[in-house]
Amino acid sequence: MTSQKNKIAIIIPYFGQWPEWIDLHFYSCGQNLFIDWLFFTDCPIPKTHSTNLSFYSFSFDEYCNDVSRKLKINFHPDKYYKLCDLKPFYGYIHADIISEYDFWGFGDIDVIWW
């Protein structure tokens, strides 16, 4: 019997400025090759990163406009941290991108995945 890993996507919207330790986070994500990490951000995209990390460039306003359109609500918060309120909806918001995955989840950059 052969085992096949499920396709898993972790969605991470992050806006502002990468913290000084972000390379550790990216490295830890890169060590989990059975997961694809999808970052939606206005931060600079690293020149070197693992093949299982994908970056989608958005301004915060563009991202909020996209969320507002897809959820049919007015979502334009003053603070980035209000994106946490959307976590249960990330799968719906990003349905076009995650359609090829068996499972999706959400994460944050304050975690080292090992």
PDB file of N, CA and C in Angstrom:
ATOM      1  N   MET A   1       0.845  -1.170   0.000  1.00  0.00           N
ATOM      2  CA  MET A   1       0.000   0.000   0.000  1.00  0.00           C
ATOM      3  C   MET A   1       0.894   1.238   0.000  1.00  0.00           C
ATOM      4  N   THR A   2       0.563   2.178  -0.847  1.00  0.00           N
ATOM      5  CA  THR A   2       1.315   3.433  -0.873  1.00  0.00           C
ATOM      6  C   THR A   2       0.531   4.489  -0.119  1.00  0.00           C
ATOM      7  N   SER A   3       1.243   5.365   0.509  1.00  0.00           N
ATOM      8  CA  SER A   3       0.563   6.448   1.215  1.00  0.00           C
ATOM      9  C   SER A   3       0.727   7.732   0.418  1.00  0.00           C
ATOM     10  N   GLN A   4      -0.341   8.476   0.351  1.00  0.00           N
ATOM     11  CA  GLN A   4      -0.317   9.752  -0.352  1.00  0.00           C
ATOM     12  C   GLN A   4      -0.750  10.818   0.640  1.00  0.00           C
ATOM     13  N   LYS A   5       0.039  11.851   0.747  1.00  0.00           N
ATOM     14  CA  LYS A   5      -0.295  12.927   1.664  1.00  0.00           C
ATOM     15  C   LYS A   5      -1.413  13.776   1.082  1.00  0.00           C
ATOM     16  N   ASN A   6      -2.262  14.261   1.967  1.00  0.00           N
ATOM     17  CA  ASN A   6      -3.316  15.171   1.543  1.00  0.00           C
ATOM     18  C   ASN A   6      -2.718  16.522   1.209  1.00  0.00           C
ATOM     19  N   LYS A   7      -3.395  17.233   0.344  1.00  0.00           N
ATOM     20  CA  LYS A   7      -2.955  18.584   0.015  1.00  0.00           C
ATOM     21  C   LYS A   7      -3.586  19.547   1.017  1.00  0.00           C
ATOM     22  N   ILE A   8      -2.735  20.253   1.727  1.00  0.00           N
ATOM     23  CA  ILE A   8      -3.171  21.162   2.786  1.00  0.00           C
ATOM     24  C   ILE A   8      -2.652  22.563   2.491  1.00  0.00           C
ATOM     25  N   ALA A   9      -3.513  23.560   2.663  1.00  0.00           N
ATOM     26  CA  ALA A   9      -3.119  24.964   2.526  1.00  0.00           C
ATOM     27  C   ALA A   9      -3.354  25.679   3.845  1.00  0.00           C
ATOM     28  N   ILE A  10      -2.393  26.482   4.240  1.00  0.00           N
ATOM     29  CA  ILE A  10      -2.553  27.355   5.400  1.00  0.00           C
ATOM     30  C   ILE A  10      -2.568  28.792   4.886  1.00  0.00           C
ATOM     31  N   ILE A  11      -3.638  29.509   5.209  1.00  0.00           N
ATOM     32  CA  ILE A  11      -3.849  30.876   4.738  1.00  0.00           C
ATOM     33  C   ILE A  11      -3.386  31.849   5.817  1.00  0.00           C
ATOM     34  N   ILE A  12      -2.509  32.792   5.414  1.00  0.00           N
ATOM     35  CA  ILE A  12      -1.980  33.772   6.368  1.00  0.00           C
ATOM     36  C   ILE A  12      -2.004  35.165   5.748  1.00  0.00           C
ATOM     37  N   PRO A  13      -3.054  35.950   6.020  1.00  0.00           N
ATOM     38  CA  PRO A  13      -3.005  37.359   5.629  1.00  0.00           C
ATOM     39  C   PRO A  13      -2.149  38.119   6.653  1.00  0.00           C
ATOM     40  N   TYR A  14      -1.217  38.909   6.182  1.00  0.00           N
ATOM     41  CA  TYR A  14      -0.367  39.691   7.090  1.00  0.00           C
ATOM     42  C   TYR A  14       0.007  40.995   6.400  1.00  0.00           C
ATOM     43  N   PHE A  15      -0.258  42.096   7.065  1.00  0.00           N
ATOM     44  CA  PHE A  15       0.013  43.417   6.496  1.00  0.00           C
ATOM     45  C   PHE A  15       0.812  44.252   7.481  1.00  0.00           C
ATOM     46  N   GLY A  16       1.565  45.167   6.942  1.00  0.00           N
ATOM     47  CA  GLY A  16       2.391  46.035   7.776  1.00  0.00           C
ATOM     48  C   GLY A  16       3.853  45.858   7.456  1.00  0.00           C
ATOM     49  N   GLN A  17       4.588  45.329   8.406  1.00  0.00           N
ATOM     50  CA  GLN A  17       6.028  45.119   8.245  1.00  0.00           C
ATOM     51  C   GLN A  17       6.380  43.762   8.842  1.00  0.00           C
ATOM     52  N   TRP A  18       7.179  42.972   8.107  1.00  0.00           N
ATOM     53  CA  TRP A  18       7.616  41.682   8.651  1.00  0.00           C
ATOM     54  C   TRP A  18       8.399  41.925   9.931  1.00  0.00           C
ATOM     55  N   PRO A  19       8.225  41.084  10.941  1.00  0.00           N
ATOM     56  CA  PRO A  19       9.060  41.196  12.145  1.00  0.00           C
ATOM     57  C   PRO A  19      10.488  40.738  11.843  1.00  0.00           C
ATOM     58  N   GLU A  20      11.408  41.095  12.705  1.00  0.00           N
ATOM     59  CA  GLU A  20      12.825  40.786  12.442  1.00  0.00           C
ATOM     60  C   GLU A  20      13.111  39.290  12.399  1.00  0.00           C
ATOM     61  N   TRP A  21      12.258  38.476  12.981  1.00  0.00           N
ATOM     62  CA  TRP A  21      12.480  37.030  13.023  1.00  0.00           C
ATOM     63  C   TRP A  21      11.702  36.284  11.935  1.00  0.00           C
ATOM     64  N   ILE A  22      11.167  36.965  10.944  1.00  0.00           N
ATOM     65  CA  ILE A  22      10.307  36.322   9.947  1.00  0.00           C
ATOM     66  C   ILE A  22      11.029  35.209   9.183  1.00  0.00           C
ATOM     67  N   ASP A  23      12.335  35.346   8.988  1.00  0.00           N
ATOM     68  CA  ASP A  23      13.062  34.289   8.273  1.00  0.00           C
ATOM     69  C   ASP A  23      12.979  32.955   9.003  1.00  0.00           C
ATOM     70  N   LEU A  24      12.921  32.971  10.333  1.00  0.00           N
ATOM     71  CA  LEU A  24      12.749  31.726  11.102  1.00  0.00           C
ATOM     72  C   LEU A  24      11.377  31.107  10.823  1.00  0.00           C
ATOM     73  N   HIS A  25      10.378  31.952  10.752  1.00  0.00           N
ATOM     74  CA  HIS A  25       9.033  31.455  10.445  1.00  0.00           C
ATOM     75  C   HIS A  25       9.002  30.833   9.050  1.00  0.00           C
ATOM     76  N   PHE A  26       9.533  31.558   8.064  1.00  0.00           N
ATOM     77  CA  PHE A  26       9.561  31.033   6.698  1.00  0.00           C
ATOM     78  C   PHE A  26      10.347  29.727   6.622  1.00  0.00           C
ATOM     79  N   TYR A  27      11.461  29.663   7.324  1.00  0.00           N
ATOM     80  CA  TYR A  27      12.270  28.440   7.341  1.00  0.00           C
ATOM     81  C   TYR A  27      11.452  27.273   7.909  1.00  0.00           C
ATOM     82  N   SER A  28      10.753  27.523   9.017  1.00  0.00           N
ATOM     83  CA  SER A  28       9.980  26.445   9.636  1.00  0.00           C
ATOM     84  C   SER A  28       8.844  25.986   8.715  1.00  0.00           C
ATOM     85  N   CYS A  29       8.220  26.913   8.025  1.00  0.00           N
ATOM     86  CA  CYS A  29       7.183  26.531   7.056  1.00  0.00           C
ATOM     87  C   CYS A  29       7.790  25.661   5.953  1.00  0.00           C
ATOM     88  N   GLY A  30       8.968  26.043   5.505  1.00  0.00           N
ATOM     89  CA  GLY A  30       9.642  25.314   4.443  1.00  0.00           C
ATOM     90  C   GLY A  30      10.014  23.895   4.826  1.00  0.00           C
ATOM     91  N   GLN A  31      10.087  23.611   6.115  1.00  0.00           N
ATOM     92  CA  GLN A  31      10.406  22.267   6.581  1.00  0.00           C
ATOM     93  C   GLN A  31       9.190  21.343   6.580  1.00  0.00           C
ATOM     94  N   ASN A  32       8.022  21.918   6.362  1.00  0.00           N
ATOM     95  CA  ASN A  32       6.769  21.160   6.318  1.00  0.00           C
ATOM     96  C   ASN A  32       6.266  21.124   4.885  1.00  0.00           C
ATOM     97  N   LEU A  33       6.923  20.328   4.069  1.00  0.00           N
ATOM     98  CA  LEU A  33       6.676  20.322   2.633  1.00  0.00           C
ATOM     99  C   LEU A  33       5.314  19.763   2.231  1.00  0.00           C
ATOM    100  N   PHE A  34       4.629  19.094   3.140  1.00  0.00           N
ATOM    101  CA  PHE A  34       3.303  18.567   2.828  1.00  0.00           C
ATOM    102  C   PHE A  34       2.217  19.630   2.998  1.00  0.00           C
ATOM    103  N   ILE A  35       2.619  20.846   3.383  1.00  0.00           N
ATOM    104  CA  ILE A  35       1.699  21.970   3.550  1.00  0.00           C
ATOM    105  C   ILE A  35       2.139  23.091   2.624  1.00  0.00           C
ATOM    106  N   ASP A  36       1.166  23.710   1.957  1.00  0.00           N
ATOM    107  CA  ASP A  36       1.432  24.929   1.204  1.00  0.00           C
ATOM    108  C   ASP A  36       1.004  26.117   2.060  1.00  0.00           C
ATOM    109  N   TRP A  37       1.867  27.080   2.167  1.00  0.00           N
ATOM    110  CA  TRP A  37       1.646  28.272   2.992  1.00  0.00           C
ATOM    111  C   TRP A  37       1.332  29.425   2.055  1.00  0.00           C
ATOM    112  N   LEU A  38       0.151  30.024   2.197  1.00  0.00           N
ATOM    113  CA  LEU A  38      -0.316  31.075   1.311  1.00  0.00           C
ATOM    114  C   LEU A  38      -0.363  32.394   2.074  1.00  0.00           C
ATOM    115  N   PHE A  39       0.541  33.301   1.726  1.00  0.00           N
ATOM    116  CA  PHE A  39       0.636  34.598   2.395  1.00  0.00           C
ATOM    117  C   PHE A  39       0.000  35.680   1.520  1.00  0.00           C
ATOM    118  N   PHE A  40      -0.910  36.440   2.102  1.00  0.00           N
ATOM    119  CA  PHE A  40      -1.521  37.596   1.450  1.00  0.00           C
ATOM    120  C   PHE A  40      -0.985  38.812   2.179  1.00  0.00           C
ATOM    121  N   THR A  41      -0.222  39.658   1.471  1.00  0.00           N
ATOM    122  CA  THR A  41       0.554  40.652   2.194  1.00  0.00           C
ATOM    123  C   THR A  41       0.910  41.860   1.345  1.00  0.00           C
ATOM    124  N   ASP A  42       1.250  42.930   2.037  1.00  0.00           N
ATOM    125  CA  ASP A  42       1.832  44.104   1.383  1.00  0.00           C
ATOM    126  C   ASP A  42       3.314  44.222   1.723  1.00  0.00           C
ATOM    127  N   CYS A  43       3.836  43.233   2.431  1.00  0.00           N
ATOM    128  CA  CYS A  43       5.248  43.213   2.812  1.00  0.00           C
ATOM    129  C   CYS A  43       6.094  42.761   1.618  1.00  0.00           C
ATOM    130  N   PRO A  44       7.385  43.100   1.635  1.00  0.00           N
ATOM    131  CA  PRO A  44       8.261  42.637   0.553  1.00  0.00           C
ATOM    132  C   PRO A  44       8.313  41.101   0.508  1.00  0.00           C
ATOM    133  N   ILE A  45       8.245  40.581  -0.684  1.00  0.00           N
ATOM    134  CA  ILE A  45       8.319  39.129  -0.860  1.00  0.00           C
ATOM    135  C   ILE A  45       9.784  38.729  -0.801  1.00  0.00           C
ATOM    136  N   PRO A  46      10.118  37.743   0.045  1.00  0.00           N
ATOM    137  CA  PRO A  46      11.525  37.357   0.157  1.00  0.00           C
ATOM    138  C   PRO A  46      12.077  36.836  -1.169  1.00  0.00           C
ATOM    139  N   LYS A  47      13.317  37.205  -1.435  1.00  0.00           N
ATOM    140  CA  LYS A  47      13.952  36.765  -2.686  1.00  0.00           C
ATOM    141  C   LYS A  47      14.154  35.254  -2.708  1.00  0.00           C
ATOM    142  N   THR A  48      14.457  34.684  -1.569  1.00  0.00           N
ATOM    143  CA  THR A  48      14.677  33.250  -1.472  1.00  0.00           C
ATOM    144  C   THR A  48      13.680  32.675  -0.473  1.00  0.00           C
ATOM    145  N   HIS A  49      12.962  31.658  -0.906  1.00  0.00           N
ATOM    146  CA  HIS A  49      12.037  30.978  -0.003  1.00  0.00           C
ATOM    147  C   HIS A  49      11.723  29.599  -0.566  1.00  0.00           C
ATOM    148  N   SER A  50      11.139  28.770   0.262  1.00  0.00           N
ATOM    149  CA  SER A  50      10.812  27.397  -0.138  1.00  0.00           C
ATOM    150  C   SER A  50       9.719  27.377  -1.191  1.00  0.00           C
ATOM    151  N   THR A  51       9.689  26.302  -1.954  1.00  0.00           N
ATOM    152  CA  THR A  51       8.697  26.167  -3.023  1.00  0.00           C
ATOM    153  C   THR A  51       7.272  26.012  -2.495  1.00  0.00           C
ATOM    154  N   ASN A  52       7.106  25.676  -1.228  1.00  0.00           N
ATOM    155  CA  ASN A  52       5.762  25.513  -0.671  1.00  0.00           C
ATOM    156  C   ASN A  52       5.228  26.795  -0.025  1.00  0.00           C
ATOM    157  N   LEU A  53       5.930  27.908  -0.219  1.00  0.00           N
ATOM    158  CA  LEU A  53       5.458  29.215   0.236  1.00  0.00           C
ATOM    159  C   LEU A  53       5.032  30.020  -0.984  1.00  0.00           C
ATOM    160  N   SER A  54       3.809  30.538  -0.955  1.00  0.00           N
ATOM    161  CA  SER A  54       3.300  31.385  -2.035  1.00  0.00           C
ATOM    162  C   SER A  54       2.921  32.737  -1.449  1.00  0.00           C
ATOM    163  N   PHE A  55       3.214  33.783  -2.201  1.00  0.00           N
ATOM    164  CA  PHE A  55       2.951  35.153  -1.754  1.00  0.00           C
ATOM    165  C   PHE A  55       2.040  35.846  -2.756  1.00  0.00           C
ATOM    166  N   TYR A  56       0.983  36.463  -2.244  1.00  0.00           N
ATOM    167  CA  TYR A  56       0.026  37.212  -3.053  1.00  0.00           C
ATOM    168  C   TYR A  56       0.085  38.663  -2.588  1.00  0.00           C
ATOM    169  N   SER A  57       0.481  39.546  -3.476  1.00  0.00           N
ATOM    170  CA  SER A  57       0.673  40.954  -3.126  1.00  0.00           C
ATOM    171  C   SER A  57      -0.642  41.716  -3.214  1.00  0.00           C
ATOM    172  N   PHE A  58      -1.007  42.308  -2.103  1.00  0.00           N
ATOM    173  CA  PHE A  58      -2.195  43.150  -1.982  1.00  0.00           C
ATOM    174  C   PHE A  58      -1.848  44.318  -1.073  1.00  0.00           C
ATOM    175  N   SER A  59      -2.417  45.477  -1.319  1.00  0.00           N
ATOM    176  CA  SER A  59      -2.402  46.507  -0.287  1.00  0.00           C
ATOM    177  C   SER A  59      -3.500  46.119   0.709  1.00  0.00           C
ATOM    178  N   PHE A  60      -3.446  46.668   1.889  1.00  0.00           N
ATOM    179  CA  PHE A  60      -4.477  46.366   2.881  1.00  0.00           C
ATOM    180  C   PHE A  60      -5.848  46.793   2.352  1.00  0.00           C
ATOM    181  N   ASP A  61      -5.917  47.957   1.730  1.00  0.00           N
ATOM    182  CA  ASP A  61      -7.192  48.430   1.167  1.00  0.00           C
ATOM    183  C   ASP A  61      -7.708  47.494   0.084  1.00  0.00           C
ATOM    184  N   GLU A  62      -6.822  47.033  -0.798  1.00  0.00           N
ATOM    185  CA  GLU A  62      -7.233  46.097  -1.847  1.00  0.00           C
ATOM    186  C   GLU A  62      -7.781  44.808  -1.243  1.00  0.00           C
ATOM    187  N   TYR A  63      -7.093  44.308  -0.217  1.00  0.00           N
ATOM    188  CA  TYR A  63      -7.527  43.077   0.429  1.00  0.00           C
ATOM    189  C   TYR A  63      -8.905  43.275   1.068  1.00  0.00           C
ATOM    190  N   CYS A  64      -9.079  44.382   1.777  1.00  0.00           N
ATOM    191  CA  CYS A  64     -10.368  44.668   2.422  1.00  0.00           C
ATOM    192  C   CYS A  64     -11.478  44.845   1.390  1.00  0.00           C
ATOM    193  N   ASN A  65     -11.173  45.477   0.262  1.00  0.00           N
ATOM    194  CA  ASN A  65     -12.164  45.609  -0.810  1.00  0.00           C
ATOM    195  C   ASN A  65     -12.561  44.245  -1.349  1.00  0.00           C
ATOM    196  N   ASP A  66     -11.583  43.360  -1.514  1.00  0.00           N
ATOM    197  CA  ASP A  66     -11.854  42.008  -1.995  1.00  0.00           C
ATOM    198  C   ASP A  66     -12.735  41.254  -0.998  1.00  0.00           C
ATOM    199  N   VAL A  67     -12.399  41.352   0.284  1.00  0.00           N
ATOM    200  CA  VAL A  67     -13.197  40.711   1.332  1.00  0.00           C
ATOM    201  C   VAL A  67     -14.618  41.264   1.315  1.00  0.00           C
ATOM    202  N   SER A  68     -14.743  42.578   1.243  1.00  0.00           N
ATOM    203  CA  SER A  68     -16.070  43.211   1.236  1.00  0.00           C
ATOM    204  C   SER A  68     -16.919  42.713   0.072  1.00  0.00           C
ATOM    205  N   ARG A  69     -16.303  42.619  -1.098  1.00  0.00           N
ATOM    206  CA  ARG A  69     -17.021  42.166  -2.285  1.00  0.00           C
ATOM    207  C   ARG A  69     -17.447  40.703  -2.148  1.00  0.00           C
ATOM    208  N   LYS A  70     -16.534  39.860  -1.703  1.00  0.00           N
ATOM    209  CA  LYS A  70     -16.830  38.419  -1.634  1.00  0.00           C
ATOM    210  C   LYS A  70     -17.824  38.084  -0.526  1.00  0.00           C
ATOM    211  N   LEU A  71     -17.732  38.772   0.610  1.00  0.00           N
ATOM    212  CA  LEU A  71     -18.635  38.492   1.727  1.00  0.00           C
ATOM    213  C   LEU A  71     -19.882  39.366   1.701  1.00  0.00           C
ATOM    214  N   LYS A  72     -19.922  40.314   0.773  1.00  0.00           N
ATOM    215  CA  LYS A  72     -21.055  41.243   0.660  1.00  0.00           C
ATOM    216  C   LYS A  72     -21.287  41.995   1.972  1.00  0.00           C
ATOM    217  N   ILE A  73     -20.185  42.500   2.520  1.00  0.00           N
ATOM    218  CA  ILE A  73     -20.224  43.311   3.736  1.00  0.00           C
ATOM    219  C   ILE A  73     -19.307  44.512   3.526  1.00  0.00           C
ATOM    220  N   ASN A  74     -19.347  45.419   4.459  1.00  0.00           N
ATOM    221  CA  ASN A  74     -18.433  46.557   4.444  1.00  0.00           C
ATOM    222  C   ASN A  74     -17.319  46.254   5.447  1.00  0.00           C
ATOM    223  N   PHE A  75     -16.194  45.776   4.952  1.00  0.00           N
ATOM    224  CA  PHE A  75     -15.074  45.422   5.826  1.00  0.00           C
ATOM    225  C   PHE A  75     -13.898  46.342   5.519  1.00  0.00           C
ATOM    226  N   HIS A  76     -13.756  47.389   6.305  1.00  0.00           N
ATOM    227  CA  HIS A  76     -12.659  48.349   6.150  1.00  0.00           C
ATOM    228  C   HIS A  76     -12.180  48.796   7.535  1.00  0.00           C
ATOM    229  N   PRO A  77     -11.569  47.880   8.283  1.00  0.00           N
ATOM    230  CA  PRO A  77     -11.122  48.228   9.645  1.00  0.00           C
ATOM    231  C   PRO A  77      -9.913  49.163   9.623  1.00  0.00           C
ATOM    232  N   ASP A  78      -9.724  49.850  10.726  1.00  0.00           N
ATOM    233  CA  ASP A  78      -8.568  50.738  10.880  1.00  0.00           C
ATOM    234  C   ASP A  78      -7.293  49.976  11.220  1.00  0.00           C
ATOM    235  N   LYS A  79      -7.425  48.825  11.838  1.00  0.00           N
ATOM    236  CA  LYS A  79      -6.272  48.067  12.329  1.00  0.00           C
ATOM    237  C   LYS A  79      -6.168  46.722  11.631  1.00  0.00           C
ATOM    238  N   TYR A  80      -4.936  46.326  11.336  1.00  0.00           N
ATOM    239  CA  TYR A  80      -4.686  45.043  10.674  1.00  0.00           C
ATOM    240  C   TYR A  80      -5.186  43.856  11.480  1.00  0.00           C
ATOM    241  N   TYR A  81      -5.096  43.949  12.808  1.00  0.00           N
ATOM    242  CA  TYR A  81      -5.426  42.793  13.639  1.00  0.00           C
ATOM    243  C   TYR A  81      -6.889  42.383  13.496  1.00  0.00           C
ATOM    244  N   LYS A  82      -7.730  43.239  12.959  1.00  0.00           N
ATOM    245  CA  LYS A  82      -9.133  42.888  12.768  1.00  0.00           C
ATOM    246  C   LYS A  82      -9.313  41.801  11.706  1.00  0.00           C
ATOM    247  N   LEU A  83      -8.246  41.490  10.965  1.00  0.00           N
ATOM    248  CA  LEU A  83      -8.324  40.368  10.030  1.00  0.00           C
ATOM    249  C   LEU A  83      -8.627  39.067  10.767  1.00  0.00           C
ATOM    250  N   CYS A  84      -8.278  39.005  12.048  1.00  0.00           N
ATOM    251  CA  CYS A  84      -8.554  37.807  12.853  1.00  0.00           C
ATOM    252  C   CYS A  84     -10.051  37.487  12.866  1.00  0.00           C
ATOM    253  N   ASP A  85     -10.881  38.512  12.764  1.00  0.00           N
ATOM    254  CA  ASP A  85     -12.329  38.291  12.754  1.00  0.00           C
ATOM    255  C   ASP A  85     -12.783  37.493  11.536  1.00  0.00           C
ATOM    256  N   LEU A  86     -11.956  37.457  10.508  1.00  0.00           N
ATOM    257  CA  LEU A  86     -12.313  36.781   9.262  1.00  0.00           C
ATOM    258  C   LEU A  86     -11.881  35.324   9.201  1.00  0.00           C
ATOM    259  N   LYS A  87     -11.115  34.852  10.155  1.00  0.00           N
ATOM    260  CA  LYS A  87     -10.513  33.511  10.055  1.00  0.00           C
ATOM    261  C   LYS A  87     -11.496  32.420   9.635  1.00  0.00           C
ATOM    262  N   PRO A  88     -12.709  32.364  10.191  1.00  0.00           N
ATOM    263  CA  PRO A  88     -13.624  31.298   9.753  1.00  0.00           C
ATOM    264  C   PRO A  88     -14.032  31.414   8.284  1.00  0.00           C
ATOM    265  N   PHE A  89     -13.842  32.591   7.688  1.00  0.00           N
ATOM    266  CA  PHE A  89     -14.265  32.835   6.313  1.00  0.00           C
ATOM    267  C   PHE A  89     -13.140  32.754   5.299  1.00  0.00           C
ATOM    268  N   TYR A  90     -11.907  32.530   5.732  1.00  0.00           N
ATOM    269  CA  TYR A  90     -10.773  32.506   4.799  1.00  0.00           C
ATOM    270  C   TYR A  90     -10.984  31.514   3.657  1.00  0.00           C
ATOM    271  N   GLY A  91     -11.554  30.367   3.960  1.00  0.00           N
ATOM    272  CA  GLY A  91     -11.798  29.373   2.916  1.00  0.00           C
ATOM    273  C   GLY A  91     -12.745  29.884   1.849  1.00  0.00           C
ATOM    274  N   TYR A  92     -13.755  30.613   2.265  1.00  0.00           N
ATOM    275  CA  TYR A  92     -14.703  31.196   1.311  1.00  0.00           C
ATOM    276  C   TYR A  92     -14.058  32.351   0.553  1.00  0.00           C
ATOM    277  N   ILE A  93     -13.363  33.209   1.271  1.00  0.00           N
ATOM    278  CA  ILE A  93     -12.725  34.379   0.659  1.00  0.00           C
ATOM    279  C   ILE A  93     -11.715  33.948  -0.406  1.00  0.00           C
ATOM    280  N   HIS A  94     -10.974  32.881  -0.122  1.00  0.00           N
ATOM    281  CA  HIS A  94      -9.907  32.430  -1.021  1.00  0.00           C
ATOM    282  C   HIS A  94     -10.261  31.132  -1.755  1.00  0.00           C
ATOM    283  N   ALA A  95     -11.558  30.890  -1.932  1.00  0.00           N
ATOM    284  CA  ALA A  95     -12.020  29.641  -2.543  1.00  0.00           C
ATOM    285  C   ALA A  95     -11.398  29.407  -3.917  1.00  0.00           C
ATOM    286  N   ASP A  96     -11.189  30.462  -4.678  1.00  0.00           N
ATOM    287  CA  ASP A  96     -10.613  30.304  -6.011  1.00  0.00           C
ATOM    288  C   ASP A  96      -9.175  29.797  -5.953  1.00  0.00           C
ATOM    289  N   ILE A  97      -8.464  30.144  -4.914  1.00  0.00           N
ATOM    290  CA  ILE A  97      -7.048  29.754  -4.785  1.00  0.00           C
ATOM    291  C   ILE A  97      -6.902  28.381  -4.142  1.00  0.00           C
ATOM    292  N   ILE A  98      -7.786  28.041  -3.221  1.00  0.00           N
ATOM    293  CA  ILE A  98      -7.620  26.784  -2.475  1.00  0.00           C
ATOM    294  C   ILE A  98      -8.467  25.637  -3.035  1.00  0.00           C
ATOM    295  N   SER A  99      -9.070  25.807  -4.170  1.00  0.00           N
ATOM    296  CA  SER A  99      -9.962  24.775  -4.709  1.00  0.00           C
ATOM    297  C   SER A  99      -9.254  23.435  -4.951  1.00  0.00           C
ATOM    298  N   GLU A 100      -7.962  23.452  -5.179  1.00  0.00           N
ATOM    299  CA  GLU A 100      -7.224  22.210  -5.441  1.00  0.00           C
ATOM    300  C   GLU A 100      -6.799  21.475  -4.166  1.00  0.00           C
ATOM    301  N   TYR A 101      -7.071  22.055  -3.021  1.00  0.00           N
ATOM    302  CA  TYR A 101      -6.626  21.467  -1.754  1.00  0.00           C
ATOM    303  C   TYR A 101      -7.714  20.599  -1.127  1.00  0.00           C
ATOM    304  N   ASP A 102      -7.269  19.566  -0.391  1.00  0.00           N
ATOM    305  CA  ASP A 102      -8.191  18.725   0.366  1.00  0.00           C
ATOM    306  C   ASP A 102      -8.625  19.416   1.653  1.00  0.00           C
ATOM    307  N   PHE A 103      -7.703  20.151   2.261  1.00  0.00           N
ATOM    308  CA  PHE A 103      -7.957  20.819   3.541  1.00  0.00           C
ATOM    309  C   PHE A 103      -7.309  22.193   3.533  1.00  0.00           C
ATOM    310  N   TRP A 104      -7.857  23.102   4.316  1.00  0.00           N
ATOM    311  CA  TRP A 104      -7.243  24.412   4.506  1.00  0.00           C
ATOM    312  C   TRP A 104      -7.362  24.772   5.985  1.00  0.00           C
ATOM    313  N   GLY A 105      -6.495  25.656   6.394  1.00  0.00           N
ATOM    314  CA  GLY A 105      -6.522  26.174   7.749  1.00  0.00           C
ATOM    315  C   GLY A 105      -5.970  27.588   7.730  1.00  0.00           C
ATOM    316  N   PHE A 106      -5.876  28.170   8.887  1.00  0.00           N
ATOM    317  CA  PHE A 106      -5.292  29.502   8.969  1.00  0.00           C
ATOM    318  C   PHE A 106      -4.169  29.479   9.981  1.00  0.00           C
ATOM    319  N   GLY A 107      -3.262  30.398   9.818  1.00  0.00           N
ATOM    320  CA  GLY A 107      -2.123  30.473  10.722  1.00  0.00           C
ATOM    321  C   GLY A 107      -1.739  31.917  10.959  1.00  0.00           C
ATOM    322  N   ASP A 108      -0.661  32.071  11.679  1.00  0.00           N
ATOM    323  CA  ASP A 108      -0.121  33.393  11.953  1.00  0.00           C
ATOM    324  C   ASP A 108       1.391  33.276  11.925  1.00  0.00           C
ATOM    325  N   ILE A 109       2.059  34.394  11.860  1.00  0.00           N
ATOM    326  CA  ILE A 109       3.514  34.356  11.711  1.00  0.00           C
ATOM    327  C   ILE A 109       4.256  34.280  13.034  1.00  0.00           C
ATOM    328  N   ASP A 110       3.541  34.228  14.150  1.00  0.00           N
ATOM    329  CA  ASP A 110       4.209  34.129  15.449  1.00  0.00           C
ATOM    330  C   ASP A 110       4.377  32.689  15.903  1.00  0.00           C
ATOM    331  N   VAL A 111       4.453  31.776  14.939  1.00  0.00           N
ATOM    332  CA  VAL A 111       4.582  30.350  15.217  1.00  0.00           C
ATOM    333  C   VAL A 111       5.797  29.808  14.460  1.00  0.00           C
ATOM    334  N   ILE A 112       6.565  28.959  15.125  1.00  0.00           N
ATOM    335  CA  ILE A 112       7.619  28.190  14.455  1.00  0.00           C
ATOM    336  C   ILE A 112       7.085  26.781  14.313  1.00  0.00           C
ATOM    337  N   TRP A 113       6.936  26.329  13.080  1.00  0.00           N
ATOM    338  CA  TRP A 113       6.348  25.017  12.788  1.00  0.00           C
ATOM    339  C   TRP A 113       7.468  23.983  12.706  1.00  0.00           C
ATOM    340  N   TRP A 114       7.363  22.972  13.512  1.00  0.00           N
ATOM    341  CA  TRP A 114       8.402  21.945  13.503  1.00  0.00           C
ATOM    342  C   TRP A 114       7.845  20.579  13.431  1.00  0.00           C
TER     343      TRP A 114
END
